[in-house]
């Protein structure tokens, strides 16, 4: 019985370690997007996305607005370095093989001043052993924010 429990413990520990290291890689992929935004580095941001990435935001009225990734990259590259600061908190990360779902509440600051808050929902895919952002949809509001 003790041997069986020991084997179960070892297997569980291995699974938890693998999950934790995958979570760290996923966080790195997501953080690279926001690091690129802070430095207005469109190349770094582009590297965070898959080739077929989709960006969307939910407007106040519930309408979903699509944003072109190339336009997003172009807009970010024109902003003064340090002007954009999206501060996220990793709330939940779910992983199944090459698919990850990440929930990150955030506060957004422009030139050091609070602009808005909301939640980002990311879908990431792992291809060639690298996590890439496939899909982002977010909410945006100026009230009920934690500041």
Protein backbone atom coordinates (compact mmCIF):
# COMPACT_ATOMS: atom_id res chain seq x y z
CA UNK A 1 0.00 0.00 0.00
CA UNK A 2 2.82 2.42 0.86
CA UNK A 3 4.49 1.75 -2.49
CA UNK A 4 1.26 2.54 -4.34
CA UNK A 5 0.85 5.80 -2.41
CA UNK A 6 4.47 6.71 -3.11
CA UNK A 7 4.00 6.12 -6.85
CA UNK A 8 0.80 8.21 -6.84
CA UNK A 9 2.59 11.00 -4.98
CA UNK A 10 5.49 10.98 -7.47
CA UNK A 11 3.11 11.04 -10.44
CA UNK A 12 1.09 13.88 -8.92
CA UNK A 13 4.26 15.85 -8.17
CA UNK A 14 5.47 15.41 -11.75
CA UNK A 15 2.11 16.56 -13.11
CA UNK A 16 2.05 19.62 -10.85
CA UNK A 17 5.62 20.53 -11.82
CA UNK A 18 4.84 20.19 -15.52
CA UNK A 19 1.69 22.27 -15.12
CA UNK A 20 3.61 24.94 -13.17
CA UNK A 21 6.38 25.18 -15.79
CA UNK A 22 3.78 25.42 -18.58
CA UNK A 23 2.00 28.15 -16.64
CA UNK A 24 5.28 30.05 -16.37
CA UNK A 25 5.80 29.79 -20.13
CA UNK A 26 2.25 30.98 -20.76
CA UNK A 27 2.72 33.94 -18.41
CA UNK A 28 5.93 34.82 -20.25
CA UNK A 29 4.07 34.82 -23.58
CA UNK A 30 1.32 37.08 -22.23
CA UNK A 31 3.76 39.38 -20.43
CA UNK A 32 5.80 39.82 -23.61
CA UNK A 33 2.76 41.48 -25.20
CA UNK A 34 2.52 44.04 -22.40
CA UNK A 35 6.30 44.53 -22.22
CA UNK A 36 6.20 45.31 -25.94
CA UNK A 37 3.35 47.76 -25.42
CA UNK A 38 5.27 49.59 -22.66
CA UNK A 39 8.31 49.95 -24.93
CA UNK A 40 6.30 50.59 -28.14
CA UNK A 41 8.07 47.57 -29.64
CA UNK A 42 5.81 46.26 -32.40
CA UNK A 43 8.30 43.49 -33.27
CA UNK A 44 8.16 42.10 -29.72
CA UNK A 45 4.38 42.33 -29.70
CA UNK A 46 4.11 40.61 -33.07
CA UNK A 47 6.28 37.75 -31.79
CA UNK A 48 3.76 37.16 -28.98
CA UNK A 49 0.96 36.48 -31.50
CA UNK A 50 0.27 33.50 -33.72
CA UNK A 51 0.09 34.22 -37.46
CA UNK A 52 -3.71 34.03 -37.41
CA UNK A 53 -4.36 35.92 -34.15
CA UNK A 54 -7.68 37.64 -33.52
CA UNK A 55 -8.21 40.75 -31.36
CA UNK A 56 -11.61 41.84 -30.10
CA UNK A 57 -13.07 44.14 -27.48
CA UNK A 58 -16.54 44.26 -26.01
CA UNK A 59 -17.94 47.79 -26.05
CA UNK A 60 -20.20 49.17 -23.30
CA UNK A 61 -23.32 48.38 -25.30
CA UNK A 62 -22.23 44.74 -25.68
CA UNK A 63 -21.19 45.10 -29.31
CA UNK A 64 -18.02 43.19 -30.18
CA UNK A 65 -15.44 45.25 -32.07
CA UNK A 66 -12.74 43.53 -34.14
CA UNK A 67 -9.25 44.99 -34.30
CA UNK A 68 -6.77 44.19 -37.04
CA UNK A 69 -3.49 42.88 -35.61
CA UNK A 70 -1.37 44.78 -38.17
CA UNK A 71 -3.21 48.03 -37.37
CA UNK A 72 -2.73 47.36 -33.65
CA UNK A 73 1.01 46.86 -34.18
CA UNK A 74 1.24 50.02 -36.28
CA UNK A 75 -0.63 52.08 -33.68
CA UNK A 76 1.57 50.82 -30.82
CA UNK A 77 4.78 51.60 -32.72
CA UNK A 78 3.72 55.25 -33.02
CA UNK A 79 3.14 55.77 -29.29
CA UNK A 80 5.87 57.30 -27.15
CA UNK A 81 7.82 54.66 -25.19
CA UNK A 82 6.49 54.34 -21.66
CA UNK A 83 3.12 55.95 -22.47
CA UNK A 84 1.17 52.66 -22.39
CA UNK A 85 1.05 50.64 -19.19
CA UNK A 86 -1.42 47.78 -18.85
CA UNK A 87 -1.11 46.23 -15.41
CA UNK A 88 -2.48 42.71 -15.32
CA UNK A 89 -3.13 40.10 -12.67
CA UNK A 90 -3.15 36.44 -13.63
CA UNK A 91 -6.43 35.20 -12.21
CA UNK A 92 -6.86 31.82 -13.87
CA UNK A 93 -4.87 29.65 -16.28
CA UNK A 94 -6.32 26.48 -17.75
CA UNK A 95 -4.28 24.13 -19.94
CA UNK A 96 -5.19 21.16 -22.09
CA UNK A 97 -2.33 19.98 -24.26
CA UNK A 98 -1.58 22.74 -26.78
CA UNK A 99 -4.44 24.99 -25.68
CA UNK A 100 -4.39 27.45 -22.81
CA UNK A 101 -7.03 29.84 -21.55
CA UNK A 102 -5.91 32.81 -19.44
CA UNK A 103 -8.04 35.33 -17.52
CA UNK A 104 -6.35 38.59 -16.51
CA UNK A 105 -8.10 41.50 -14.83
CA UNK A 106 -6.25 44.71 -15.68
CA UNK A 107 -5.88 48.44 -15.18
CA UNK A 108 -4.71 50.55 -18.10
CA UNK A 109 -2.67 53.73 -17.69
CA UNK A 110 -1.83 56.23 -20.43
CA UNK A 111 1.09 58.56 -19.74
CA UNK A 112 0.91 57.63 -16.07
CA UNK A 113 -2.79 58.44 -15.68
CA UNK A 114 -5.52 55.87 -15.13
CA UNK A 115 -7.59 55.38 -18.29
CA UNK A 116 -9.74 52.27 -17.83
CA UNK A 117 -9.93 48.74 -16.48
CA UNK A 118 -11.48 45.42 -17.39
CA UNK A 119 -10.60 41.82 -18.06
CA UNK A 120 -8.58 40.19 -20.83
CA UNK A 121 -9.48 36.69 -21.93
CA UNK A 122 -6.63 35.03 -23.84
CA UNK A 123 -6.56 31.82 -25.81
CA UNK A 124 -3.02 30.60 -26.48
CA UNK A 125 -1.79 27.77 -28.67
CA UNK A 126 1.47 25.89 -28.38
CA UNK A 127 3.15 25.35 -31.73
CA UNK A 128 6.75 24.30 -32.25
CA UNK A 129 7.00 24.13 -28.46
CA UNK A 130 6.25 27.86 -28.08
CA UNK A 131 3.10 29.45 -26.61
CA UNK A 132 1.54 32.11 -28.86
CA UNK A 133 -1.51 34.31 -28.36
CA UNK A 134 -4.24 33.18 -30.75
CA UNK A 135 -7.15 35.21 -29.45
CA UNK A 136 -7.81 38.11 -27.11
CA UNK A 137 -11.16 39.56 -26.16
CA UNK A 138 -11.43 42.19 -23.46
CA UNK A 139 -13.85 44.38 -21.58
CA UNK A 140 -13.25 48.06 -20.92
CA UNK A 141 -14.81 50.32 -18.33
CA UNK A 142 -13.95 53.31 -16.19
CA UNK A 143 -16.00 52.42 -13.12
CA UNK A 144 -15.88 49.57 -10.61
CA UNK A 145 -12.11 49.41 -10.98
CA UNK A 146 -9.63 48.51 -8.27
CA UNK A 147 -7.10 51.34 -8.14
